[in-house]
Amino acid sequence: MVEVICDTSFLIHLSTRRIKNIDSVNTEIGQIQFVVPSAVLNELRKLSKTQKKKQDAITTLEFARNLKTTQMSGKFADQAIIEHVRKRGGIIATIDNELKNKIKKLGGSVMSFSNDKIVLES
């Protein structure tokens, strides 16, 4: 099983939008498991206290209960994810263009969305 580390933006999108190919993603790249870093959960808890993102953050926290979580060192989610890629590589799910570029420069792979479909970027 391939573990895919989710950042906050990807997880919010995944939990609040209808994703067209969610059932076929497993067959396209093998069986995957979305993993949520503890730093992402912390970020979502902070967002749940803001007026603008409150509902999306609460919905995403509930959605994340069904996903595997992992401890990652780092005060901020992006820092923790970049450090993970630097040490271990892997696939990171994000819609943040700046984070995508950093991951690719470090040799990691990126999963994202295109037209409400999950795609693996090269």
PDB file of N, CA and C in Angstrom:
ATOM      1  N   MET A   1       0.841  -1.183   0.000  1.00  0.00           N
ATOM      2  CA  MET A   1       0.000   0.000   0.000  1.00  0.00           C
ATOM      3  C   MET A   1       0.886   1.246   0.000  1.00  0.00           C
ATOM      4  N   VAL A   2       0.546   2.191  -0.847  1.00  0.00           N
ATOM      5  CA  VAL A   2       1.301   3.427  -0.970  1.00  0.00           C
ATOM      6  C   VAL A   2       0.673   4.484  -0.060  1.00  0.00           C
ATOM      7  N   GLU A   3       1.485   5.055   0.824  1.00  0.00           N
ATOM      8  CA  GLU A   3       0.995   6.123   1.694  1.00  0.00           C
ATOM      9  C   GLU A   3       1.170   7.468   1.001  1.00  0.00           C
ATOM     10  N   VAL A   4       0.115   8.267   1.022  1.00  0.00           N
ATOM     11  CA  VAL A   4       0.124   9.601   0.432  1.00  0.00           C
ATOM     12  C   VAL A   4      -0.104  10.596   1.566  1.00  0.00           C
ATOM     13  N   ILE A   5       0.901  11.447   1.800  1.00  0.00           N
ATOM     14  CA  ILE A   5       0.833  12.443   2.867  1.00  0.00           C
ATOM     15  C   ILE A   5       0.015  13.642   2.378  1.00  0.00           C
ATOM     16  N   CYS A   6      -1.014  14.010   3.114  1.00  0.00           N
ATOM     17  CA  CYS A   6      -1.902  15.117   2.721  1.00  0.00           C
ATOM     18  C   CYS A   6      -1.515  16.412   3.424  1.00  0.00           C
ATOM     19  N   ASP A   7      -1.493  17.508   2.674  1.00  0.00           N
ATOM     20  CA  ASP A   7      -1.340  18.805   3.330  1.00  0.00           C
ATOM     21  C   ASP A   7      -2.737  19.370   3.596  1.00  0.00           C
ATOM     22  N   THR A   8      -2.790  20.485   4.269  1.00  0.00           N
ATOM     23  CA  THR A   8      -4.066  21.051   4.708  1.00  0.00           C
ATOM     24  C   THR A   8      -4.975  21.397   3.533  1.00  0.00           C
ATOM     25  N   SER A   9      -4.437  22.049   2.518  1.00  0.00           N
ATOM     26  CA  SER A   9      -5.265  22.487   1.385  1.00  0.00           C
ATOM     27  C   SER A   9      -5.882  21.298   0.644  1.00  0.00           C
ATOM     28  N   PHE A  10      -5.094  20.257   0.419  1.00  0.00           N
ATOM     29  CA  PHE A  10      -5.587  19.068  -0.274  1.00  0.00           C
ATOM     30  C   PHE A  10      -6.688  18.397   0.545  1.00  0.00           C
ATOM     31  N   LEU A  11      -6.442  18.266   1.829  1.00  0.00           N
ATOM     32  CA  LEU A  11      -7.390  17.583   2.708  1.00  0.00           C
ATOM     33  C   LEU A  11      -8.725  18.329   2.771  1.00  0.00           C
ATOM     34  N   ILE A  12      -8.673  19.659   2.842  1.00  0.00           N
ATOM     35  CA  ILE A  12      -9.910  20.451   2.840  1.00  0.00           C
ATOM     36  C   ILE A  12     -10.671  20.226   1.534  1.00  0.00           C
ATOM     37  N   HIS A  13      -9.963  20.266   0.418  1.00  0.00           N
ATOM     38  CA  HIS A  13     -10.596  20.056  -0.890  1.00  0.00           C
ATOM     39  C   HIS A  13     -11.196  18.648  -0.968  1.00  0.00           C
ATOM     40  N   LEU A  14     -10.444  17.660  -0.526  1.00  0.00           N
ATOM     41  CA  LEU A  14     -10.884  16.263  -0.568  1.00  0.00           C
ATOM     42  C   LEU A  14     -12.154  16.046   0.258  1.00  0.00           C
ATOM     43  N   SER A  15     -12.230  16.711   1.392  1.00  0.00           N
ATOM     44  CA  SER A  15     -13.356  16.482   2.304  1.00  0.00           C
ATOM     45  C   SER A  15     -14.585  17.339   2.016  1.00  0.00           C
ATOM     46  N   THR A  16     -14.418  18.406   1.246  1.00  0.00           N
ATOM     47  CA  THR A  16     -15.544  19.327   1.041  1.00  0.00           C
ATOM     48  C   THR A  16     -16.060  19.376  -0.400  1.00  0.00           C
ATOM     49  N   ARG A  17     -15.410  18.689  -1.305  1.00  0.00           N
ATOM     50  CA  ARG A  17     -15.825  18.693  -2.716  1.00  0.00           C
ATOM     51  C   ARG A  17     -16.158  17.278  -3.175  1.00  0.00           C
ATOM     52  N   ARG A  18     -16.920  17.195  -4.236  1.00  0.00           N
ATOM     53  CA  ARG A  18     -17.212  15.904  -4.848  1.00  0.00           C
ATOM     54  C   ARG A  18     -16.079  15.600  -5.823  1.00  0.00           C
ATOM     55  N   ILE A  19     -15.350  14.531  -5.546  1.00  0.00           N
ATOM     56  CA  ILE A  19     -14.204  14.152  -6.375  1.00  0.00           C
ATOM     57  C   ILE A  19     -14.652  13.062  -7.346  1.00  0.00           C
ATOM     58  N   LYS A  20     -14.477  13.320  -8.639  1.00  0.00           N
ATOM     59  CA  LYS A  20     -15.031  12.445  -9.674  1.00  0.00           C
ATOM     60  C   LYS A  20     -14.403  11.057  -9.709  1.00  0.00           C
ATOM     61  N   ASN A  21     -13.094  10.954  -9.500  1.00  0.00           N
ATOM     62  CA  ASN A  21     -12.419   9.668  -9.679  1.00  0.00           C
ATOM     63  C   ASN A  21     -11.934   9.061  -8.368  1.00  0.00           C
ATOM     64  N   ILE A  22     -12.542   9.412  -7.259  1.00  0.00           N
ATOM     65  CA  ILE A  22     -12.063   8.955  -5.952  1.00  0.00           C
ATOM     66  C   ILE A  22     -12.041   7.430  -5.863  1.00  0.00           C
ATOM     67  N   ASP A  23     -12.992   6.750  -6.485  1.00  0.00           N
ATOM     68  CA  ASP A  23     -13.037   5.290  -6.406  1.00  0.00           C
ATOM     69  C   ASP A  23     -12.017   4.609  -7.307  1.00  0.00           C
ATOM     70  N   SER A  24     -11.578   5.272  -8.366  1.00  0.00           N
ATOM     71  CA  SER A  24     -10.642   4.634  -9.293  1.00  0.00           C
ATOM     72  C   SER A  24      -9.189   5.015  -9.049  1.00  0.00           C
ATOM     73  N   VAL A  25      -8.921   5.912  -8.116  1.00  0.00           N
ATOM     74  CA  VAL A  25      -7.539   6.329  -7.841  1.00  0.00           C
ATOM     75  C   VAL A  25      -6.699   5.137  -7.398  1.00  0.00           C
ATOM     76  N   ASN A  26      -7.264   4.275  -6.557  1.00  0.00           N
ATOM     77  CA  ASN A  26      -6.530   3.111  -6.067  1.00  0.00           C
ATOM     78  C   ASN A  26      -6.046   2.216  -7.195  1.00  0.00           C
ATOM     79  N   THR A  27      -6.841   2.030  -8.226  1.00  0.00           N
ATOM     80  CA  THR A  27      -6.455   1.127  -9.300  1.00  0.00           C
ATOM     81  C   THR A  27      -5.430   1.751 -10.239  1.00  0.00           C
ATOM     82  N   GLU A  28      -5.414   3.069 -10.345  1.00  0.00           N
ATOM     83  CA  GLU A  28      -4.496   3.735 -11.267  1.00  0.00           C
ATOM     84  C   GLU A  28      -3.043   3.687 -10.801  1.00  0.00           C
ATOM     85  N   ILE A  29      -2.794   3.818  -9.504  1.00  0.00           N
ATOM     86  CA  ILE A  29      -1.404   3.833  -9.020  1.00  0.00           C
ATOM     87  C   ILE A  29      -1.157   2.782  -7.946  1.00  0.00           C
ATOM     88  N   GLY A  30      -2.044   1.816  -7.849  1.00  0.00           N
ATOM     89  CA  GLY A  30      -1.946   0.832  -6.779  1.00  0.00           C
ATOM     90  C   GLY A  30      -2.819   1.284  -5.631  1.00  0.00           C
ATOM     91  N   GLN A  31      -2.884   0.478  -4.613  1.00  0.00           N
ATOM     92  CA  GLN A  31      -3.729   0.822  -3.472  1.00  0.00           C
ATOM     93  C   GLN A  31      -3.057   1.924  -2.654  1.00  0.00           C
ATOM     94  N   ILE A  32      -3.802   2.992  -2.372  1.00  0.00           N
ATOM     95  CA  ILE A  32      -3.232   4.114  -1.622  1.00  0.00           C
ATOM     96  C   ILE A  32      -3.925   4.280  -0.278  1.00  0.00           C
ATOM     97  N   GLN A  33      -3.207   4.921   0.620  1.00  0.00           N
ATOM     98  CA  GLN A  33      -3.759   5.273   1.922  1.00  0.00           C
ATOM     99  C   GLN A  33      -3.386   6.725   2.189  1.00  0.00           C
ATOM    100  N   PHE A  34      -4.400   7.570   2.374  1.00  0.00           N
ATOM    101  CA  PHE A  34      -4.132   8.958   2.707  1.00  0.00           C
ATOM    102  C   PHE A  34      -3.709   9.035   4.169  1.00  0.00           C
ATOM    103  N   VAL A  35      -2.635   9.791   4.428  1.00  0.00           N
ATOM    104  CA  VAL A  35      -2.079   9.938   5.771  1.00  0.00           C
ATOM    105  C   VAL A  35      -2.064  11.424   6.123  1.00  0.00           C
ATOM    106  N   VAL A  36      -2.480  11.723   7.356  1.00  0.00           N
ATOM    107  CA  VAL A  36      -2.569  13.111   7.801  1.00  0.00           C
ATOM    108  C   VAL A  36      -1.509  13.382   8.864  1.00  0.00           C
ATOM    109  N   PRO A  37      -0.572  14.292   8.596  1.00  0.00           N
ATOM    110  CA  PRO A  37       0.428  14.660   9.606  1.00  0.00           C
ATOM    111  C   PRO A  37      -0.222  15.389  10.787  1.00  0.00           C
ATOM    112  N   SER A  38       0.328  15.203  11.961  1.00  0.00           N
ATOM    113  CA  SER A  38      -0.190  15.874  13.155  1.00  0.00           C
ATOM    114  C   SER A  38      -0.176  17.394  12.979  1.00  0.00           C
ATOM    115  N   ALA A  39       0.814  17.918  12.269  1.00  0.00           N
ATOM    116  CA  ALA A  39       0.892  19.367  12.035  1.00  0.00           C
ATOM    117  C   ALA A  39      -0.300  19.864  11.213  1.00  0.00           C
ATOM    118  N   VAL A  40      -0.804  19.032  10.310  1.00  0.00           N
ATOM    119  CA  VAL A  40      -1.984  19.401   9.519  1.00  0.00           C
ATOM    120  C   VAL A  40      -3.220  19.449  10.418  1.00  0.00           C
ATOM    121  N   LEU A  41      -3.345  18.476  11.312  1.00  0.00           N
ATOM    122  CA  LEU A  41      -4.473  18.487  12.256  1.00  0.00           C
ATOM    123  C   LEU A  41      -4.427  19.736  13.135  1.00  0.00           C
ATOM    124  N   ASN A  42      -3.231  20.109  13.573  1.00  0.00           N
ATOM    125  CA  ASN A  42      -3.081  21.327  14.382  1.00  0.00           C
ATOM    126  C   ASN A  42      -3.506  22.565  13.597  1.00  0.00           C
ATOM    127  N   GLU A  43      -3.109  22.613  12.317  1.00  0.00           N
ATOM    128  CA  GLU A  43      -3.480  23.741  11.458  1.00  0.00           C
ATOM    129  C   GLU A  43      -5.003  23.809  11.286  1.00  0.00           C
ATOM    130  N   LEU A  44      -5.631  22.650  11.108  1.00  0.00           N
ATOM    131  CA  LEU A  44      -7.088  22.604  10.954  1.00  0.00           C
ATOM    132  C   LEU A  44      -7.799  23.060  12.226  1.00  0.00           C
ATOM    133  N   ARG A  45      -7.255  22.679  13.380  1.00  0.00           N
ATOM    134  CA  ARG A  45      -7.852  23.126  14.650  1.00  0.00           C
ATOM    135  C   ARG A  45      -7.798  24.653  14.770  1.00  0.00           C
ATOM    136  N   LYS A  46      -6.677  25.241  14.339  1.00  0.00           N
ATOM    137  CA  LYS A  46      -6.556  26.707  14.363  1.00  0.00           C
ATOM    138  C   LYS A  46      -7.561  27.342  13.400  1.00  0.00           C
ATOM    139  N   LEU A  47      -7.683  26.758  12.199  1.00  0.00           N
ATOM    140  CA  LEU A  47      -8.618  27.288  11.203  1.00  0.00           C
ATOM    141  C   LEU A  47     -10.069  27.176  11.670  1.00  0.00           C
ATOM    142  N   SER A  48     -10.361  26.163  12.475  1.00  0.00           N
ATOM    143  CA  SER A  48     -11.741  25.976  12.948  1.00  0.00           C
ATOM    144  C   SER A  48     -12.181  27.088  13.899  1.00  0.00           C
ATOM    145  N   LYS A  49     -11.230  27.888  14.347  1.00  0.00           N
ATOM    146  CA  LYS A  49     -11.542  29.013  15.240  1.00  0.00           C
ATOM    147  C   LYS A  49     -11.664  30.339  14.490  1.00  0.00           C
ATOM    148  N   THR A  50     -11.434  30.302  13.173  1.00  0.00           N
ATOM    149  CA  THR A  50     -11.562  31.516  12.367  1.00  0.00           C
ATOM    150  C   THR A  50     -12.925  31.530  11.690  1.00  0.00           C
ATOM    151  N   GLN A  51     -13.474  32.703  11.512  1.00  0.00           N
ATOM    152  CA  GLN A  51     -14.808  32.819  10.918  1.00  0.00           C
ATOM    153  C   GLN A  51     -14.830  32.348   9.466  1.00  0.00           C
ATOM    154  N   LYS A  52     -13.805  32.703   8.707  1.00  0.00           N
ATOM    155  CA  LYS A  52     -13.793  32.440   7.274  1.00  0.00           C
ATOM    156  C   LYS A  52     -13.714  30.949   6.932  1.00  0.00           C
ATOM    157  N   LYS A  53     -12.886  30.199   7.639  1.00  0.00           N
ATOM    158  CA  LYS A  53     -12.642  28.789   7.299  1.00  0.00           C
ATOM    159  C   LYS A  53     -13.247  27.807   8.296  1.00  0.00           C
ATOM    160  N   LYS A  54     -14.020  28.299   9.243  1.00  0.00           N
ATOM    161  CA  LYS A  54     -14.509  27.470  10.347  1.00  0.00           C
ATOM    162  C   LYS A  54     -15.224  26.200   9.875  1.00  0.00           C
ATOM    163  N   GLN A  55     -16.233  26.345   9.017  1.00  0.00           N
ATOM    164  CA  GLN A  55     -17.035  25.186   8.620  1.00  0.00           C
ATOM    165  C   GLN A  55     -16.215  24.166   7.836  1.00  0.00           C
ATOM    166  N   ASP A  56     -15.399  24.626   6.884  1.00  0.00           N
ATOM    167  CA  ASP A  56     -14.553  23.701   6.120  1.00  0.00           C
ATOM    168  C   ASP A  56     -13.581  22.967   7.035  1.00  0.00           C
ATOM    169  N   ALA A  57     -13.012  23.673   7.996  1.00  0.00           N
ATOM    170  CA  ALA A  57     -12.050  23.058   8.915  1.00  0.00           C
ATOM    171  C   ALA A  57     -12.721  22.003   9.788  1.00  0.00           C
ATOM    172  N   ILE A  58     -13.905  22.294  10.290  1.00  0.00           N
ATOM    173  CA  ILE A  58     -14.626  21.324  11.123  1.00  0.00           C
ATOM    174  C   ILE A  58     -14.998  20.087  10.306  1.00  0.00           C
ATOM    175  N   THR A  59     -15.502  20.293   9.101  1.00  0.00           N
ATOM    176  CA  THR A  59     -15.840  19.173   8.212  1.00  0.00           C
ATOM    177  C   THR A  59     -14.606  18.326   7.929  1.00  0.00           C
ATOM    178  N   THR A  60     -13.482  18.975   7.690  1.00  0.00           N
ATOM    179  CA  THR A  60     -12.242  18.268   7.375  1.00  0.00           C
ATOM    180  C   THR A  60     -11.712  17.505   8.580  1.00  0.00           C
ATOM    181  N   LEU A  61     -11.791  18.084   9.757  1.00  0.00           N
ATOM    182  CA  LEU A  61     -11.367  17.372  10.972  1.00  0.00           C
ATOM    183  C   LEU A  61     -12.199  16.110  11.181  1.00  0.00           C
ATOM    184  N   GLU A  62     -13.492  16.187  10.930  1.00  0.00           N
ATOM    185  CA  GLU A  62     -14.351  15.007  11.046  1.00  0.00           C
ATOM    186  C   GLU A  62     -13.970  13.965  10.003  1.00  0.00           C
ATOM    187  N   PHE A  63     -13.719  14.399   8.777  1.00  0.00           N
ATOM    188  CA  PHE A  63     -13.306  13.507   7.694  1.00  0.00           C
ATOM    189  C   PHE A  63     -11.984  12.821   8.036  1.00  0.00           C
ATOM    190  N   ALA A  64     -11.064  13.575   8.619  1.00  0.00           N
ATOM    191  CA  ALA A  64      -9.718  13.063   8.925  1.00  0.00           C
ATOM    192  C   ALA A  64      -9.726  11.987  10.010  1.00  0.00           C
ATOM    193  N   ARG A  65     -10.783  11.906  10.781  1.00  0.00           N
ATOM    194  CA  ARG A  65     -10.872  10.856  11.810  1.00  0.00           C
ATOM    195  C   ARG A  65     -10.772   9.459  11.214  1.00  0.00           C
ATOM    196  N   ASN A  66     -11.184   9.314   9.960  1.00  0.00           N
ATOM    197  CA  ASN A  66     -11.171   8.015   9.290  1.00  0.00           C
ATOM    198  C   ASN A  66      -9.854   7.726   8.580  1.00  0.00           C
ATOM    199  N   LEU A  67      -8.906   8.638   8.658  1.00  0.00           N
ATOM    200  CA  LEU A  67      -7.624   8.475   7.976  1.00  0.00           C
ATOM    201  C   LEU A  67      -6.519   8.192   8.986  1.00  0.00           C
ATOM    202  N   LYS A  68      -5.458   7.588   8.497  1.00  0.00           N
ATOM    203  CA  LYS A  68      -4.286   7.338   9.340  1.00  0.00           C
ATOM    204  C   LYS A  68      -3.612   8.676   9.642  1.00  0.00           C
ATOM    205  N   THR A  69      -3.140   8.838  10.869  1.00  0.00           N
ATOM    206  CA  THR A  69      -2.386  10.039  11.222  1.00  0.00           C
ATOM    207  C   THR A  69      -0.949   9.648  11.544  1.00  0.00           C
ATOM    208  N   THR A  70      -0.063  10.609  11.414  1.00  0.00           N
ATOM    209  CA  THR A  70       1.345  10.350  11.698  1.00  0.00           C
ATOM    210  C   THR A  70       1.969  11.575  12.354  1.00  0.00           C
ATOM    211  N   GLN A  71       2.904  11.339  13.241  1.00  0.00           N
ATOM    212  CA  GLN A  71       3.648  12.424  13.882  1.00  0.00           C
ATOM    213  C   GLN A  71       4.723  12.907  12.917  1.00  0.00           C
ATOM    214  N   MET A  72       4.812  14.196  12.745  1.00  0.00           N
ATOM    215  CA  MET A  72       5.874  14.803  11.940  1.00  0.00           C
ATOM    216  C   MET A  72       6.364  16.019  12.687  1.00  0.00           C
ATOM    217  N   SER A  73       7.674  16.116  12.802  1.00  0.00           N
ATOM    218  CA  SER A  73       8.231  17.261  13.516  1.00  0.00           C
ATOM    219  C   SER A  73       8.140  18.507  12.647  1.00  0.00           C
ATOM    220  N   GLY A  74       7.965  19.635  13.284  1.00  0.00           N
ATOM    221  CA  GLY A  74       7.852  20.902  12.568  1.00  0.00           C
ATOM    222  C   GLY A  74       6.694  21.700  13.114  1.00  0.00           C
ATOM    223  N   LYS A  75       6.916  22.980  13.259  1.00  0.00           N
ATOM    224  CA  LYS A  75       5.876  23.846  13.815  1.00  0.00           C
ATOM    225  C   LYS A  75       4.741  24.058  12.821  1.00  0.00           C
ATOM    226  N   PHE A  76       5.077  24.136  11.551  1.00  0.00           N
ATOM    227  CA  PHE A  76       4.087  24.355  10.510  1.00  0.00           C
ATOM    228  C   PHE A  76       3.992  23.126   9.620  1.00  0.00           C
ATOM    229  N   ALA A  77       2.803  22.888   9.062  1.00  0.00           N
ATOM    230  CA  ALA A  77       2.563  21.698   8.252  1.00  0.00           C
ATOM    231  C   ALA A  77       3.509  21.621   7.053  1.00  0.00           C
ATOM    232  N   ASP A  78       3.664  22.718   6.317  1.00  0.00           N
ATOM    233  CA  ASP A  78       4.535  22.692   5.139  1.00  0.00           C
ATOM    234  C   ASP A  78       5.971  22.341   5.506  1.00  0.00           C
ATOM    235  N   GLN A  79       6.469  22.898   6.604  1.00  0.00           N
ATOM    236  CA  GLN A  79       7.834  22.580   7.059  1.00  0.00           C
ATOM    237  C   GLN A  79       7.966  21.096   7.358  1.00  0.00           C
ATOM    238  N   ALA A  80       6.991  20.542   8.055  1.00  0.00           N
ATOM    239  CA  ALA A  80       7.022  19.129   8.420  1.00  0.00           C
ATOM    240  C   ALA A  80       6.995  18.245   7.178  1.00  0.00           C
ATOM    241  N   ILE A  81       6.177  18.608   6.208  1.00  0.00           N
ATOM    242  CA  ILE A  81       6.066  17.828   4.977  1.00  0.00           C
ATOM    243  C   ILE A  81       7.357  17.904   4.173  1.00  0.00           C
ATOM    244  N   ILE A  82       7.933  19.087   4.048  1.00  0.00           N
ATOM    245  CA  ILE A  82       9.196  19.241   3.314  1.00  0.00           C
ATOM    246  C   ILE A  82      10.301  18.425   3.973  1.00  0.00           C
ATOM    247  N   GLU A  83      10.369  18.456   5.277  1.00  0.00           N
ATOM    248  CA  GLU A  83      11.381  17.676   6.000  1.00  0.00           C
ATOM    249  C   GLU A  83      11.165  16.182   5.784  1.00  0.00           C
ATOM    250  N   HIS A  84       9.923  15.751   5.748  1.00  0.00           N
ATOM    251  CA  HIS A  84       9.599  14.344   5.486  1.00  0.00           C
ATOM    252  C   HIS A  84      10.101  13.932   4.100  1.00  0.00           C
ATOM    253  N   VAL A  85       9.830  14.766   3.094  1.00  0.00           N
ATOM    254  CA  VAL A  85      10.270  14.467   1.723  1.00  0.00           C
ATOM    255  C   VAL A  85      11.791  14.438   1.656  1.00  0.00           C
ATOM    256  N   ARG A  86      12.440  15.382   2.326  1.00  0.00           N
ATOM    257  CA  ARG A  86      13.899  15.450   2.332  1.00  0.00           C
ATOM    258  C   ARG A  86      14.502  14.149   2.886  1.00  0.00           C
ATOM    259  N   LYS A  87      13.900  13.603   3.940  1.00  0.00           N
ATOM    260  CA  LYS A  87      14.438  12.402   4.590  1.00  0.00           C
ATOM    261  C   LYS A  87      13.963  11.098   3.958  1.00  0.00           C
ATOM    262  N   ARG A  88      12.699  11.064   3.514  1.00  0.00           N
ATOM    263  CA  ARG A  88      12.112   9.786   3.108  1.00  0.00           C
ATOM    264  C   ARG A  88      11.545   9.756   1.692  1.00  0.00           C
ATOM    265  N   GLY A  89      11.424  10.912   1.030  1.00  0.00           N
ATOM    266  CA  GLY A  89      10.781  10.927  -0.281  1.00  0.00           C
ATOM    267  C   GLY A  89       9.290  10.704  -0.129  1.00  0.00           C
ATOM    268  N   GLY A  90       8.668  10.155  -1.148  1.00  0.00           N
ATOM    269  CA  GLY A  90       7.259   9.797  -1.069  1.00  0.00           C
ATOM    270  C   GLY A  90       6.355  10.664  -1.915  1.00  0.00           C
ATOM    271  N   ILE A  91       5.057  10.414  -1.760  1.00  0.00           N
ATOM    272  CA  ILE A  91       4.034  11.155  -2.496  1.00  0.00           C
ATOM    273  C   ILE A  91       3.336  12.105  -1.526  1.00  0.00           C
ATOM    274  N   ILE A  92       3.258  13.365  -1.924  1.00  0.00           N
ATOM    275  CA  ILE A  92       2.599  14.386  -1.117  1.00  0.00           C
ATOM    276  C   ILE A  92       1.395  14.906  -1.893  1.00  0.00           C
ATOM    277  N   ALA A  93       0.252  14.975  -1.232  1.00  0.00           N
ATOM    278  CA  ALA A  93      -0.968  15.493  -1.849  1.00  0.00           C
ATOM    279  C   ALA A  93      -1.151  16.948  -1.433  1.00  0.00           C
ATOM    280  N   THR A  94      -1.142  17.848  -2.421  1.00  0.00           N
ATOM    281  CA  THR A  94      -1.275  19.281  -2.142  1.00  0.00           C
ATOM    282  C   THR A  94      -1.832  20.006  -3.356  1.00  0.00           C
ATOM    283  N   ILE A  95      -2.437  21.159  -3.110  1.00  0.00           N
ATOM    284  CA  ILE A  95      -2.827  22.037  -4.216  1.00  0.00           C
ATOM    285  C   ILE A  95      -2.061  23.360  -4.134  1.00  0.00           C
ATOM    286  N   ASP A  96      -1.106  23.430  -3.238  1.00  0.00           N
ATOM    287  CA  ASP A  96      -0.270  24.611  -3.013  1.00  0.00           C
ATOM    288  C   ASP A  96       0.895  24.583  -4.010  1.00  0.00           C
ATOM    289  N   ASN A  97       0.897  25.514  -4.973  1.00  0.00           N
ATOM    290  CA  ASN A  97       1.918  25.509  -6.031  1.00  0.00           C
ATOM    291  C   ASN A  97       3.332  25.663  -5.501  1.00  0.00           C
ATOM    292  N   GLU A  98       3.521  26.502  -4.510  1.00  0.00           N
ATOM    293  CA  GLU A  98       4.855  26.695  -3.935  1.00  0.00           C
ATOM    294  C   GLU A  98       5.354  25.401  -3.291  1.00  0.00           C
ATOM    295  N   LEU A  99       4.490  24.730  -2.553  1.00  0.00           N
ATOM    296  CA  LEU A  99       4.862  23.463  -1.923  1.00  0.00           C
ATOM    297  C   LEU A  99       5.124  22.392  -2.978  1.00  0.00           C
ATOM    298  N   LYS A 100       4.316  22.364  -4.037  1.00  0.00           N
ATOM    299  CA  LYS A 100       4.524  21.401  -5.132  1.00  0.00           C
ATOM    300  C   LYS A 100       5.937  21.533  -5.693  1.00  0.00           C
ATOM    301  N   ASN A 101       6.346  22.770  -5.977  1.00  0.00           N
ATOM    302  CA  ASN A 101       7.671  23.000  -6.559  1.00  0.00           C
ATOM    303  C   ASN A 101       8.782  22.544  -5.627  1.00  0.00           C
ATOM    304  N   LYS A 102       8.658  22.827  -4.340  1.00  0.00           N
ATOM    305  CA  LYS A 102       9.675  22.407  -3.370  1.00  0.00           C
ATOM    306  C   LYS A 102       9.765  20.887  -3.294  1.00  0.00           C
ATOM    307  N   ILE A 103       8.624  20.218  -3.294  1.00  0.00           N
ATOM    308  CA  ILE A 103       8.593  18.754  -3.223  1.00  0.00           C
ATOM    309  C   ILE A 103       9.266  18.155  -4.449  1.00  0.00           C
ATOM    310  N   LYS A 104       8.932  18.679  -5.623  1.00  0.00           N
ATOM    311  CA  LYS A 104       9.518  18.164  -6.864  1.00  0.00           C
ATOM    312  C   LYS A 104      11.026  18.379  -6.894  1.00  0.00           C
ATOM    313  N   LYS A 105      11.503  19.537  -6.411  1.00  0.00           N
ATOM    314  CA  LYS A 105      12.946  19.803  -6.369  1.00  0.00           C
ATOM    315  C   LYS A 105      13.674  18.829  -5.458  1.00  0.00           C
ATOM    316  N   LEU A 106      12.983  18.350  -4.422  1.00  0.00           N
ATOM    317  CA  LEU A 106      13.581  17.397  -3.482  1.00  0.00           C
ATOM    318  C   LEU A 106      13.433  15.948  -3.953  1.00  0.00           C
ATOM    319  N   GLY A 107      12.805  15.750  -5.109  1.00  0.00           N
ATOM    320  CA  GLY A 107      12.663  14.402  -5.654  1.00  0.00           C
ATOM    321  C   GLY A 107      11.398  13.672  -5.235  1.00  0.00           C
ATOM    322  N   GLY A 108      10.489  14.374  -4.573  1.00  0.00           N
ATOM    323  CA  GLY A 108       9.225  13.754  -4.172  1.00  0.00           C
ATOM    324  C   GLY A 108       8.215  13.813  -5.304  1.00  0.00           C
ATOM    325  N   SER A 109       7.141  13.065  -5.154  1.00  0.00           N
ATOM    326  CA  SER A 109       6.051  13.073  -6.128  1.00  0.00           C
ATOM    327  C   SER A 109       4.880  13.868  -5.564  1.00  0.00           C
ATOM    328  N   VAL A 110       4.060  14.405  -6.465  1.00  0.00           N
ATOM    329  CA  VAL A 110       2.942  15.259  -6.061  1.00  0.00           C
ATOM    330  C   VAL A 110       1.630  14.708  -6.596  1.00  0.00           C
ATOM    331  N   MET A 111       0.649  14.621  -5.707  1.00  0.00           N
ATOM    332  CA  MET A 111      -0.717  14.287  -6.085  1.00  0.00           C
ATOM    333  C   MET A 111      -1.523  15.566  -5.887  1.00  0.00           C
ATOM    334  N   SER A 112      -2.412  15.854  -6.835  1.00  0.00           N
ATOM    335  CA  SER A 112      -3.175  17.090  -6.751  1.00  0.00           C
ATOM    336  C   SER A 112      -4.551  16.890  -7.378  1.00  0.00           C
ATOM    337  N   PHE A 113      -5.235  17.975  -7.677  1.00  0.00           N
ATOM    338  CA  PHE A 113      -6.542  17.932  -8.320  1.00  0.00           C
ATOM    339  C   PHE A 113      -6.482  18.650  -9.655  1.00  0.00           C
ATOM    340  N   SER A 114      -7.235  18.134 -10.617  1.00  0.00           N
ATOM    341  CA  SER A 114      -7.444  18.802 -11.890  1.00  0.00           C
ATOM    342  C   SER A 114      -8.889  18.527 -12.288  1.00  0.00           C
ATOM    343  N   ASN A 115      -9.679  19.561 -12.433  1.00  0.00           N
ATOM    344  CA  ASN A 115     -11.102  19.418 -12.772  1.00  0.00           C
ATOM    345  C   ASN A 115     -11.823  18.455 -11.830  1.00  0.00           C
ATOM    346  N   ASP A 116     -11.576  18.612 -10.541  1.00  0.00           N
ATOM    347  CA  ASP A 116     -12.172  17.775  -9.491  1.00  0.00           C
ATOM    348  C   ASP A 116     -11.858  16.289  -9.646  1.00  0.00           C
ATOM    349  N   LYS A 117     -10.704  16.000 -10.224  1.00  0.00           N
ATOM    350  CA  LYS A 117     -10.178  14.637 -10.285  1.00  0.00           C
ATOM    351  C   LYS A 117      -8.809  14.632  -9.625  1.00  0.00           C
ATOM    352  N   ILE A 118      -8.499  13.538  -8.940  1.00  0.00           N
ATOM    353  CA  ILE A 118      -7.173  13.401  -8.339  1.00  0.00           C
ATOM    354  C   ILE A 118      -6.203  12.965  -9.427  1.00  0.00           C
ATOM    355  N   VAL A 119      -5.062  13.663  -9.514  1.00  0.00           N
ATOM    356  CA  VAL A 119      -4.050  13.347 -10.522  1.00  0.00           C
ATOM    357  C   VAL A 119      -2.677  13.256  -9.863  1.00  0.00           C
ATOM    358  N   LEU A 120      -1.829  12.424 -10.439  1.00  0.00           N
ATOM    359  CA  LEU A 120      -0.440  12.328 -10.011  1.00  0.00           C
ATOM    360  C   LEU A 120       0.367  13.153 -10.992  1.00  0.00           C
ATOM    361  N   GLU A 121       1.026  14.204 -10.503  1.00  0.00           N
ATOM    362  CA  GLU A 121       1.809  15.082 -11.372  1.00  0.00           C
ATOM    363  C   GLU A 121       3.201  14.508 -11.569  1.00  0.00           C
ATOM    364  N   SER A 122       3.797  14.842 -12.716  1.00  0.00           N
ATOM    365  CA  SER A 122       5.160  14.358 -12.968  1.00  0.00           C
ATOM    366  C   SER A 122       6.177  15.430 -12.671  1.00  0.00           C
TER     367      SER A 122
END
